[in-house]
Amino acid sequence: MTLRDVLLDPSIFAKPMAFEPERWLSDNPDLQRINQAYVPFGKGSRMCVGLNLALAELYIVIASVFRRFDMELYDTVRERDVDAVRDCFIGETSPESRGVRVKIVEAYRSSLLAREK
């Protein structure tokens, strides 16, 4: 079993390739079922020991980046840079992909200073 097989299974996650953060809200009737299938760090005795540390770091870093910068996608094509098109034990993007890239549009702090003036 690979994580990709579970996390992208349409019988578990309706429209698995769609960005639907509302599927994780408490009013979703399927929340308990999808929480049990969400296994990005494995399950049982072979589960990643760094799960809690990794999640804490992710929350802090992502919150800091999105709070401090306004960004927009730069030279990113979903089919080339996001969608998995090869199976190399984990799904990988096209060999031509340079990854998902963003451009910093404006630092949040400078926009606050401009508003105060």
Protein backbone atom coordinates (compact mmCIF):
# COMPACT_ATOMS: atom_id res chain seq x y z
CA MET A 1 0.00 0.00 0.00
CA THR A 2 1.27 3.44 -0.85
CA LEU A 3 -0.01 6.65 0.67
CA ARG A 4 -1.06 7.84 -2.76
CA ASP A 5 -3.41 4.87 -3.16
CA VAL A 6 -5.16 5.71 0.11
CA LEU A 7 -5.14 9.51 0.02
CA LEU A 8 -6.37 9.71 -3.58
CA ASP A 9 -9.00 6.96 -3.33
CA PRO A 10 -12.35 8.43 -4.48
CA SER A 11 -14.27 5.90 -2.39
CA ILE A 12 -12.70 7.45 0.73
CA PHE A 13 -12.25 11.10 -0.27
CA ALA A 14 -14.88 12.45 -2.65
CA LYS A 15 -13.09 14.36 -5.42
CA PRO A 16 -9.61 13.66 -3.96
CA MET A 17 -7.80 15.98 -6.42
CA ALA A 18 -10.00 18.97 -5.59
CA PHE A 19 -8.99 21.53 -2.98
CA GLU A 20 -11.87 21.25 -0.51
CA PRO A 21 -10.74 22.29 2.97
CA GLU A 22 -14.37 22.19 4.15
CA ARG A 23 -14.19 18.38 4.12
CA TRP A 24 -12.26 18.66 7.41
CA LEU A 25 -14.86 20.83 9.20
CA SER A 26 -16.82 19.36 12.11
CA ASP A 27 -20.18 19.57 10.29
CA ASN A 28 -19.04 17.05 7.63
CA PRO A 29 -20.93 13.77 8.28
CA ASP A 30 -17.99 11.76 6.84
CA LEU A 31 -15.35 13.40 9.06
CA GLN A 32 -14.76 10.40 11.32
CA ARG A 33 -14.40 8.04 8.35
CA ILE A 34 -11.95 10.26 6.44
CA ASN A 35 -9.92 10.97 9.60
CA GLN A 36 -9.36 7.22 9.97
CA ALA A 37 -8.17 6.97 6.36
CA TYR A 38 -5.90 10.03 6.53
CA VAL A 39 -2.53 8.34 7.07
CA PRO A 40 0.25 10.60 5.73
CA PHE A 41 2.56 9.50 8.57
CA GLY A 42 1.63 5.82 8.53
CA LYS A 43 -0.26 3.82 11.16
CA GLY A 44 0.43 1.41 13.97
CA SER A 45 3.88 0.28 15.12
CA ARG A 46 5.58 1.61 11.99
CA MET A 47 4.15 5.10 12.35
CA CYS A 48 6.52 8.05 12.06
CA VAL A 49 7.86 8.94 15.50
CA GLY A 50 8.24 12.59 14.49
CA LEU A 51 4.56 13.11 13.66
CA ASN A 52 3.77 15.63 16.39
CA LEU A 53 6.97 17.61 15.85
CA ALA A 54 6.45 17.67 12.09
CA LEU A 55 2.85 18.88 12.41
CA ALA A 56 3.81 21.60 14.92
CA GLU A 57 6.56 22.85 12.62
CA LEU A 58 4.23 22.83 9.62
CA TYR A 59 1.56 24.85 11.43
CA ILE A 60 4.08 27.48 12.60
CA VAL A 61 5.91 27.83 9.28
CA ILE A 62 2.82 27.93 7.08
CA ALA A 63 1.08 30.43 9.35
CA SER A 64 4.18 32.65 9.44
CA VAL A 65 4.66 32.64 5.67
CA PHE A 66 1.01 33.36 4.85
CA ARG A 67 0.80 36.05 7.49
CA ARG A 68 3.89 37.91 6.35
CA PHE A 69 3.68 37.73 2.56
CA ASP A 70 1.17 38.14 -0.23
CA MET A 71 1.95 35.61 -2.95
CA GLU A 72 0.75 34.52 -6.35
CA LEU A 73 1.56 31.48 -8.48
CA TYR A 74 4.39 32.02 -10.94
CA ASP A 75 4.84 29.89 -14.08
CA THR A 76 2.87 26.99 -12.59
CA VAL A 77 0.74 24.66 -14.69
CA ARG A 78 -1.38 22.15 -12.80
CA GLU A 79 -0.89 19.27 -15.27
CA ARG A 80 2.90 19.72 -15.32
CA ASP A 81 3.74 20.93 -11.81
CA VAL A 82 1.02 19.56 -9.49
CA ASP A 83 -0.66 16.42 -10.84
CA ALA A 84 1.14 13.10 -10.30
CA VAL A 85 1.84 11.53 -13.68
CA ARG A 86 4.51 8.96 -12.74
CA ASP A 87 4.59 6.23 -10.13
CA CYS A 88 8.01 6.05 -8.48
CA PHE A 89 6.67 4.40 -5.30
CA ILE A 90 5.27 7.83 -4.57
CA GLY A 91 3.46 9.84 -7.18
CA GLU A 92 5.72 12.31 -8.96
CA THR A 93 5.09 15.18 -11.31
CA SER A 94 6.28 15.45 -14.87
CA PRO A 95 10.08 15.36 -15.39
CA GLU A 96 9.77 18.81 -16.99
CA SER A 97 8.30 20.27 -13.79
CA ARG A 98 10.25 22.92 -11.92
CA GLY A 99 7.86 22.59 -8.99
CA VAL A 100 5.13 24.85 -7.73
CA ARG A 101 6.61 28.31 -7.68
CA VAL A 102 5.26 31.48 -6.15
CA LYS A 103 6.18 35.11 -6.48
CA ILE A 104 6.15 37.42 -3.49
CA VAL A 105 3.82 40.23 -4.49
CA GLU A 106 4.08 42.32 -1.38
CA ALA A 107 5.31 41.92 2.15
CA TYR A 108 2.39 42.28 4.56
CA ARG A 109 4.27 44.61 6.84
CA SER A 110 4.89 47.14 4.03
CA SER A 111 1.22 47.07 3.09
CA LEU A 112 0.29 47.86 6.71
CA LEU A 113 2.69 50.79 6.77
CA ALA A 114 1.22 52.12 3.54
CA ARG A 115 -2.31 51.94 4.98
CA GLU A 116 -1.30 53.87 8.09
CA LYS A 117 0.00 56.82 6.07
